[in-house]
Amino acid sequence: MELADRAVGLLLTLTSLSIFTYYTFWVIILPLVDSDHFVHKYFLPQEYAILIPVYAGVALICLLSVFIGYVMLKSMKKKA
């Protein structure tokens, strides 16, 4: 079981590092590169650099709110 936990941890670490590197390059370095450079075809337009994290944050807050509401309702049923 310990090996599976380490494998999952490694996978999550590599995934988050990849996303961080991609996003950092997209937001910080790409605006400094000429717009006709070939590297621009590997990235979405700059508007999405703001929209994607905002929508992800709203979705996360909604899911957390639903989870907290579910737990609160479940604990109220146990008391009654």
PDB file of N, CA and C in Angstrom:
ATOM      1  N   MET A   1       0.827  -1.200   0.000  1.00  0.00           N
ATOM      2  CA  MET A   1       0.000   0.000   0.000  1.00  0.00           C
ATOM      3  C   MET A   1       0.866   1.258   0.000  1.00  0.00           C
ATOM      4  N   GLU A   2       2.000   1.189   0.678  1.00  0.00           N
ATOM      5  CA  GLU A   2       2.873   2.354   0.749  1.00  0.00           C
ATOM      6  C   GLU A   2       3.412   2.718  -0.632  1.00  0.00           C
ATOM      7  N   LEU A   3       3.690   1.711  -1.441  1.00  0.00           N
ATOM      8  CA  LEU A   3       4.205   1.962  -2.785  1.00  0.00           C
ATOM      9  C   LEU A   3       3.141   2.630  -3.648  1.00  0.00           C
ATOM     10  N   ALA A   4       1.899   2.234  -3.498  1.00  0.00           N
ATOM     11  CA  ALA A   4       0.808   2.844  -4.265  1.00  0.00           C
ATOM     12  C   ALA A   4       0.624   4.304  -3.853  1.00  0.00           C
ATOM     13  N   ASP A   5       0.737   4.587  -2.568  1.00  0.00           N
ATOM     14  CA  ASP A   5       0.621   5.965  -2.091  1.00  0.00           C
ATOM     15  C   ASP A   5       1.746   6.836  -2.642  1.00  0.00           C
ATOM     16  N   ARG A   6       2.932   6.279  -2.679  1.00  0.00           N
ATOM     17  CA  ARG A   6       4.073   7.036  -3.218  1.00  0.00           C
ATOM     18  C   ARG A   6       3.903   7.273  -4.713  1.00  0.00           C
ATOM     19  N   ALA A   7       3.362   6.293  -5.422  1.00  0.00           N
ATOM     20  CA  ALA A   7       3.147   6.438  -6.866  1.00  0.00           C
ATOM     21  C   ALA A   7       2.098   7.505  -7.139  1.00  0.00           C
ATOM     22  N   VAL A   8       1.027   7.508  -6.371  1.00  0.00           N
ATOM     23  CA  VAL A   8      -0.009   8.526  -6.531  1.00  0.00           C
ATOM     24  C   VAL A   8       0.550   9.898  -6.183  1.00  0.00           C
ATOM     25  N   GLY A   9       1.326   9.984  -5.131  1.00  0.00           N
ATOM     26  CA  GLY A   9       1.944  11.255  -4.753  1.00  0.00           C
ATOM     27  C   GLY A   9       2.882  11.775  -5.830  1.00  0.00           C
ATOM     28  N   LEU A  10       3.665  10.885  -6.407  1.00  0.00           N
ATOM     29  CA  LEU A  10       4.570  11.272  -7.490  1.00  0.00           C
ATOM     30  C   LEU A  10       3.790  11.739  -8.708  1.00  0.00           C
ATOM     31  N   LEU A  11       2.729  11.033  -9.047  1.00  0.00           N
ATOM     32  CA  LEU A  11       1.894  11.416 -10.187  1.00  0.00           C
ATOM     33  C   LEU A  11       1.255  12.786  -9.965  1.00  0.00           C
ATOM     34  N   LEU A  12       0.729  13.020  -8.777  1.00  0.00           N
ATOM     35  CA  LEU A  12       0.127  14.320  -8.469  1.00  0.00           C
ATOM     36  C   LEU A  12       1.164  15.437  -8.481  1.00  0.00           C
ATOM     37  N   THR A  13       2.344  15.160  -7.972  1.00  0.00           N
ATOM     38  CA  THR A  13       3.414  16.162  -7.974  1.00  0.00           C
ATOM     39  C   THR A  13       3.839  16.513  -9.391  1.00  0.00           C
ATOM     40  N   LEU A  14       4.033  15.513 -10.226  1.00  0.00           N
ATOM     41  CA  LEU A  14       4.427  15.765 -11.616  1.00  0.00           C
ATOM     42  C   LEU A  14       3.338  16.499 -12.393  1.00  0.00           C
ATOM     43  N   THR A  15       2.084  16.139 -12.144  1.00  0.00           N
ATOM     44  CA  THR A  15       0.974  16.814 -12.817  1.00  0.00           C
ATOM     45  C   THR A  15       0.904  18.279 -12.412  1.00  0.00           C
ATOM     46  N   SER A  16       0.982  18.554 -11.120  1.00  0.00           N
ATOM     47  CA  SER A  16       0.899  19.944 -10.672  1.00  0.00           C
ATOM     48  C   SER A  16       2.111  20.750 -11.123  1.00  0.00           C
ATOM     49  N   LEU A  17       3.276  20.148 -11.155  1.00  0.00           N
ATOM     50  CA  LEU A  17       4.467  20.831 -11.641  1.00  0.00           C
ATOM     51  C   LEU A  17       4.363  21.144 -13.136  1.00  0.00           C
ATOM     52  N   SER A  18       3.811  20.219 -13.892  1.00  0.00           N
ATOM     53  CA  SER A  18       3.607  20.444 -15.324  1.00  0.00           C
ATOM     54  C   SER A  18       2.614  21.579 -15.581  1.00  0.00           C
ATOM     55  N   ILE A  19       1.511  21.579 -14.842  1.00  0.00           N
ATOM     56  CA  ILE A  19       0.508  22.634 -15.002  1.00  0.00           C
ATOM     57  C   ILE A  19       1.085  23.984 -14.591  1.00  0.00           C
ATOM     58  N   PHE A  20       1.832  24.022 -13.503  1.00  0.00           N
ATOM     59  CA  PHE A  20       2.441  25.265 -13.047  1.00  0.00           C
ATOM     60  C   PHE A  20       3.432  25.799 -14.073  1.00  0.00           C
ATOM     61  N   THR A  21       4.255  24.926 -14.631  1.00  0.00           N
ATOM     62  CA  THR A  21       5.241  25.339 -15.627  1.00  0.00           C
ATOM     63  C   THR A  21       4.561  25.855 -16.889  1.00  0.00           C
ATOM     64  N   TYR A  22       3.554  25.139 -17.366  1.00  0.00           N
ATOM     65  CA  TYR A  22       2.823  25.554 -18.562  1.00  0.00           C
ATOM     66  C   TYR A  22       2.167  26.914 -18.341  1.00  0.00           C
ATOM     67  N   TYR A  23       1.466  27.081 -17.216  1.00  0.00           N
ATOM     68  CA  TYR A  23       0.751  28.322 -16.934  1.00  0.00           C
ATOM     69  C   TYR A  23       1.731  29.491 -16.763  1.00  0.00           C
ATOM     70  N   THR A  24       2.842  29.252 -16.076  1.00  0.00           N
ATOM     71  CA  THR A  24       3.835  30.306 -15.884  1.00  0.00           C
ATOM     72  C   THR A  24       4.425  30.748 -17.214  1.00  0.00           C
ATOM     73  N   PHE A  25       4.758  29.800 -18.054  1.00  0.00           N
ATOM     74  CA  PHE A  25       5.287  30.144 -19.366  1.00  0.00           C
ATOM     75  C   PHE A  25       4.242  30.888 -20.190  1.00  0.00           C
ATOM     76  N   TRP A  26       3.002  30.451 -20.114  1.00  0.00           N
ATOM     77  CA  TRP A  26       1.909  31.041 -20.873  1.00  0.00           C
ATOM     78  C   TRP A  26       1.647  32.487 -20.458  1.00  0.00           C
ATOM     79  N   VAL A  27       1.651  32.750 -19.154  1.00  0.00           N
ATOM     80  CA  VAL A  27       1.256  34.068 -18.649  1.00  0.00           C
ATOM     81  C   VAL A  27       2.432  35.039 -18.564  1.00  0.00           C
ATOM     82  N   ILE A  28       3.609  34.568 -18.200  1.00  0.00           N
ATOM     83  CA  ILE A  28       4.722  35.479 -17.956  1.00  0.00           C
ATOM     84  C   ILE A  28       5.660  35.605 -19.159  1.00  0.00           C
ATOM     85  N   ILE A  29       6.015  34.492 -19.762  1.00  0.00           N
ATOM     86  CA  ILE A  29       7.030  34.530 -20.809  1.00  0.00           C
ATOM     87  C   ILE A  29       6.435  34.761 -22.197  1.00  0.00           C
ATOM     88  N   LEU A  30       5.291  34.164 -22.488  1.00  0.00           N
ATOM     89  CA  LEU A  30       4.716  34.241 -23.831  1.00  0.00           C
ATOM     90  C   LEU A  30       4.400  35.667 -24.294  1.00  0.00           C
ATOM     91  N   PRO A  31       3.936  36.569 -23.449  1.00  0.00           N
ATOM     92  CA  PRO A  31       3.712  37.944 -23.930  1.00  0.00           C
ATOM     93  C   PRO A  31       4.991  38.643 -24.390  1.00  0.00           C
ATOM     94  N   LEU A  32       6.142  38.182 -23.968  1.00  0.00           N
ATOM     95  CA  LEU A  32       7.397  38.788 -24.373  1.00  0.00           C
ATOM     96  C   LEU A  32       7.922  38.247 -25.703  1.00  0.00           C
ATOM     97  N   VAL A  33       7.292  37.177 -26.204  1.00  0.00           N
ATOM     98  CA  VAL A  33       7.709  36.545 -27.459  1.00  0.00           C
ATOM     99  C   VAL A  33       6.902  37.159 -28.602  1.00  0.00           C
ATOM    100  N   ASP A  34       7.536  37.315 -29.759  1.00  0.00           N
ATOM    101  CA  ASP A  34       6.837  37.871 -30.919  1.00  0.00           C
ATOM    102  C   ASP A  34       5.591  37.049 -31.242  1.00  0.00           C
ATOM    103  N   SER A  35       4.538  37.744 -31.677  1.00  0.00           N
ATOM    104  CA  SER A  35       3.266  37.073 -31.927  1.00  0.00           C
ATOM    105  C   SER A  35       3.299  36.132 -33.124  1.00  0.00           C
ATOM    106  N   ASP A  36       4.249  36.282 -34.020  1.00  0.00           N
ATOM    107  CA  ASP A  36       4.331  35.373 -35.167  1.00  0.00           C
ATOM    108  C   ASP A  36       5.268  34.186 -34.920  1.00  0.00           C
ATOM    109  N   HIS A  37       5.773  34.046 -33.716  1.00  0.00           N
ATOM    110  CA  HIS A  37       6.665  32.934 -33.364  1.00  0.00           C
ATOM    111  C   HIS A  37       5.855  31.639 -33.316  1.00  0.00           C
ATOM    112  N   PHE A  38       6.490  30.522 -33.677  1.00  0.00           N
ATOM    113  CA  PHE A  38       5.791  29.240 -33.752  1.00  0.00           C
ATOM    114  C   PHE A  38       5.273  28.746 -32.409  1.00  0.00           C
ATOM    115  N   VAL A  39       5.844  29.181 -31.312  1.00  0.00           N
ATOM    116  CA  VAL A  39       5.462  28.686 -29.996  1.00  0.00           C
ATOM    117  C   VAL A  39       4.044  29.116 -29.612  1.00  0.00           C
ATOM    118  N   HIS A  40       3.531  30.161 -30.222  1.00  0.00           N
ATOM    119  CA  HIS A  40       2.187  30.639 -29.899  1.00  0.00           C
ATOM    120  C   HIS A  40       1.093  29.643 -30.277  1.00  0.00           C
ATOM    121  N   LYS A  41       1.370  28.755 -31.208  1.00  0.00           N
ATOM    122  CA  LYS A  41       0.326  27.807 -31.613  1.00  0.00           C
ATOM    123  C   LYS A  41       0.093  26.720 -30.557  1.00  0.00           C
ATOM    124  N   TYR A  42       0.963  26.604 -29.561  1.00  0.00           N
ATOM    125  CA  TYR A  42       0.805  25.608 -28.507  1.00  0.00           C
ATOM    126  C   TYR A  42       0.028  26.127 -27.299  1.00  0.00           C
ATOM    127  N   PHE A  43      -0.391  27.381 -27.330  1.00  0.00           N
ATOM    128  CA  PHE A  43      -1.063  27.992 -26.181  1.00  0.00           C
ATOM    129  C   PHE A  43      -2.398  28.595 -26.604  1.00  0.00           C
ATOM    130  N   LEU A  44      -3.314  28.633 -25.648  1.00  0.00           N
ATOM    131  CA  LEU A  44      -4.602  29.286 -25.874  1.00  0.00           C
ATOM    132  C   LEU A  44      -4.415  30.803 -25.877  1.00  0.00           C
ATOM    133  N   PRO A  45      -5.427  31.544 -26.350  1.00  0.00           N
ATOM    134  CA  PRO A  45      -5.335  33.010 -26.274  1.00  0.00           C
ATOM    135  C   PRO A  45      -5.215  33.485 -24.824  1.00  0.00           C
ATOM    136  N   GLN A  46      -4.680  34.692 -24.645  1.00  0.00           N
ATOM    137  CA  GLN A  46      -4.393  35.223 -23.306  1.00  0.00           C
ATOM    138  C   GLN A  46      -5.652  35.405 -22.452  1.00  0.00           C
ATOM    139  N   GLU A  47      -6.811  35.600 -23.061  1.00  0.00           N
ATOM    140  CA  GLU A  47      -8.040  35.783 -22.273  1.00  0.00           C
ATOM    141  C   GLU A  47      -8.319  34.569 -21.388  1.00  0.00           C
ATOM    142  N   TYR A  48      -7.969  33.401 -21.894  1.00  0.00           N
ATOM    143  CA  TYR A  48      -8.217  32.184 -21.139  1.00  0.00           C
ATOM    144  C   TYR A  48      -7.306  32.044 -19.920  1.00  0.00           C
ATOM    145  N   ALA A  49      -6.239  32.784 -19.888  1.00  0.00           N
ATOM    146  CA  ALA A  49      -5.331  32.735 -18.736  1.00  0.00           C
ATOM    147  C   ALA A  49      -6.024  33.242 -17.475  1.00  0.00           C
ATOM    148  N   ILE A  50      -7.019  34.088 -17.645  1.00  0.00           N
ATOM    149  CA  ILE A  50      -7.799  34.576 -16.508  1.00  0.00           C
ATOM    150  C   ILE A  50      -9.084  33.769 -16.349  1.00  0.00           C
ATOM    151  N   LEU A  51      -9.742  33.464 -17.463  1.00  0.00           N
ATOM    152  CA  LEU A  51     -11.041  32.792 -17.396  1.00  0.00           C
ATOM    153  C   LEU A  51     -10.965  31.380 -16.813  1.00  0.00           C
ATOM    154  N   ILE A  52      -9.970  30.620 -17.198  1.00  0.00           N
ATOM    155  CA  ILE A  52      -9.880  29.233 -16.719  1.00  0.00           C
ATOM    156  C   ILE A  52      -9.696  29.162 -15.201  1.00  0.00           C
ATOM    157  N   PRO A  53      -8.760  29.908 -14.602  1.00  0.00           N
ATOM    158  CA  PRO A  53      -8.656  29.848 -13.130  1.00  0.00           C
ATOM    159  C   PRO A  53      -9.892  30.396 -12.403  1.00  0.00           C
ATOM    160  N   VAL A  54     -10.541  31.415 -12.983  1.00  0.00           N
ATOM    161  CA  VAL A  54     -11.744  31.958 -12.344  1.00  0.00           C
ATOM    162  C   VAL A  54     -12.851  30.915 -12.339  1.00  0.00           C
ATOM    163  N   TYR A  55     -13.095  30.282 -13.480  1.00  0.00           N
ATOM    164  CA  TYR A  55     -14.131  29.251 -13.543  1.00  0.00           C
ATOM    165  C   TYR A  55     -13.784  28.048 -12.669  1.00  0.00           C
ATOM    166  N   ALA A  56     -12.525  27.677 -12.621  1.00  0.00           N
ATOM    167  CA  ALA A  56     -12.114  26.576 -11.760  1.00  0.00           C
ATOM    168  C   ALA A  56     -12.330  26.928 -10.285  1.00  0.00           C
ATOM    169  N   GLY A  57     -12.028  28.174  -9.911  1.00  0.00           N
ATOM    170  CA  GLY A  57     -12.245  28.610  -8.530  1.00  0.00           C
ATOM    171  C   GLY A  57     -13.717  28.635  -8.155  1.00  0.00           C
ATOM    172  N   VAL A  58     -14.564  29.121  -9.073  1.00  0.00           N
ATOM    173  CA  VAL A  58     -16.005  29.144  -8.814  1.00  0.00           C
ATOM    174  C   VAL A  58     -16.537  27.725  -8.678  1.00  0.00           C
ATOM    175  N   ALA A  59     -16.084  26.823  -9.543  1.00  0.00           N
ATOM    176  CA  ALA A  59     -16.525  25.427  -9.462  1.00  0.00           C
ATOM    177  C   ALA A  59     -16.068  24.795  -8.143  1.00  0.00           C
ATOM    178  N   LEU A  60     -14.850  25.089  -7.723  1.00  0.00           N
ATOM    179  CA  LEU A  60     -14.346  24.554  -6.461  1.00  0.00           C
ATOM    180  C   LEU A  60     -15.162  25.063  -5.279  1.00  0.00           C
ATOM    181  N   ILE A  61     -15.466  26.351  -5.265  1.00  0.00           N
ATOM    182  CA  ILE A  61     -16.265  26.918  -4.178  1.00  0.00           C
ATOM    183  C   ILE A  61     -17.667  26.305  -4.159  1.00  0.00           C
ATOM    184  N   CYS A  62     -18.251  26.119  -5.343  1.00  0.00           N
ATOM    185  CA  CYS A  62     -19.580  25.494  -5.410  1.00  0.00           C
ATOM    186  C   CYS A  62     -19.551  24.067  -4.889  1.00  0.00           C
ATOM    187  N   LEU A  63     -18.571  23.295  -5.304  1.00  0.00           N
ATOM    188  CA  LEU A  63     -18.476  21.907  -4.833  1.00  0.00           C
ATOM    189  C   LEU A  63     -18.221  21.836  -3.330  1.00  0.00           C
ATOM    190  N   LEU A  64     -17.381  22.727  -2.818  1.00  0.00           N
ATOM    191  CA  LEU A  64     -17.152  22.750  -1.371  1.00  0.00           C
ATOM    192  C   LEU A  64     -18.416  23.144  -0.611  1.00  0.00           C
ATOM    193  N   SER A  65     -19.175  24.079  -1.146  1.00  0.00           N
ATOM    194  CA  SER A  65     -20.423  24.490  -0.501  1.00  0.00           C
ATOM    195  C   SER A  65     -21.434  23.347  -0.476  1.00  0.00           C
ATOM    196  N   VAL A  66     -21.541  22.626  -1.572  1.00  0.00           N
ATOM    197  CA  VAL A  66     -22.459  21.479  -1.616  1.00  0.00           C
ATOM    198  C   VAL A  66     -22.006  20.411  -0.622  1.00  0.00           C
ATOM    199  N   PHE A  67     -20.713  20.150  -0.568  1.00  0.00           N
ATOM    200  CA  PHE A  67     -20.204  19.148   0.367  1.00  0.00           C
ATOM    201  C   PHE A  67     -20.467  19.546   1.812  1.00  0.00           C
ATOM    202  N   ILE A  68     -20.194  20.792   2.151  1.00  0.00           N
ATOM    203  CA  ILE A  68     -20.425  21.263   3.523  1.00  0.00           C
ATOM    204  C   ILE A  68     -21.911  21.209   3.866  1.00  0.00           C
ATOM    205  N   GLY A  69     -22.761  21.600   2.929  1.00  0.00           N
ATOM    206  CA  GLY A  69     -24.204  21.509   3.157  1.00  0.00           C
ATOM    207  C   GLY A  69     -24.657  20.073   3.367  1.00  0.00           C
ATOM    208  N   TYR A  70     -24.123  19.163   2.582  1.00  0.00           N
ATOM    209  CA  TYR A  70     -24.463  17.750   2.722  1.00  0.00           C
ATOM    210  C   TYR A  70     -24.042  17.223   4.094  1.00  0.00           C
ATOM    211  N   VAL A  71     -22.845  17.563   4.518  1.00  0.00           N
ATOM    212  CA  VAL A  71     -22.358  17.101   5.827  1.00  0.00           C
ATOM    213  C   VAL A  71     -23.195  17.704   6.946  1.00  0.00           C
ATOM    214  N   MET A  72     -23.574  18.972   6.818  1.00  0.00           N
ATOM    215  CA  MET A  72     -24.391  19.600   7.854  1.00  0.00           C
ATOM    216  C   MET A  72     -25.770  18.953   7.926  1.00  0.00           C
ATOM    217  N   LEU A  73     -26.374  18.661   6.785  1.00  0.00           N
ATOM    218  CA  LEU A  73     -27.680  17.993   6.787  1.00  0.00           C
ATOM    219  C   LEU A  73     -27.581  16.584   7.365  1.00  0.00           C
ATOM    220  N   LYS A  74     -26.537  15.888   7.036  1.00  0.00           N
ATOM    221  CA  LYS A  74     -26.337  14.538   7.544  1.00  0.00           C
ATOM    222  C   LYS A  74     -26.137  14.553   9.055  1.00  0.00           C
ATOM    223  N   SER A  75     -25.400  15.531   9.588  1.00  0.00           N
ATOM    224  CA  SER A  75     -25.191  15.583  11.024  1.00  0.00           C
ATOM    225  C   SER A  75     -26.452  16.004  11.766  1.00  0.00           C
ATOM    226  N   MET A  76     -27.304  16.807  11.119  1.00  0.00           N
ATOM    227  CA  MET A  76     -28.571  17.186  11.753  1.00  0.00           C
ATOM    228  C   MET A  76     -29.510  15.997  11.848  1.00  0.00           C
ATOM    229  N   LYS A  77     -29.469  15.105  10.861  1.00  0.00           N
ATOM    230  CA  LYS A  77     -30.336  13.908  10.897  1.00  0.00           C
ATOM    231  C   LYS A  77     -29.878  12.951  11.986  1.00  0.00           C
ATOM    232  N   LYS A  78     -28.575  12.893  12.268  1.00  0.00           N
ATOM    233  CA  LYS A  78     -28.062  12.017  13.328  1.00  0.00           C
ATOM    234  C   LYS A  78     -28.533  12.509  14.695  1.00  0.00           C
ATOM    235  N   LYS A  79     -28.596  13.811  14.905  1.00  0.00           N
ATOM    236  CA  LYS A  79     -29.001  14.373  16.196  1.00  0.00           C
ATOM    237  C   LYS A  79     -30.497  14.178  16.437  1.00  0.00           C
ATOM    238  N   ALA A  80     -31.284  14.186  15.391  1.00  0.00           N
ATOM    239  CA  ALA A  80     -32.746  14.089  15.543  1.00  0.00           C
ATOM    240  C   ALA A  80     -33.225  12.672  15.713  1.00  0.00           C
TER     241      ALA A  80
END
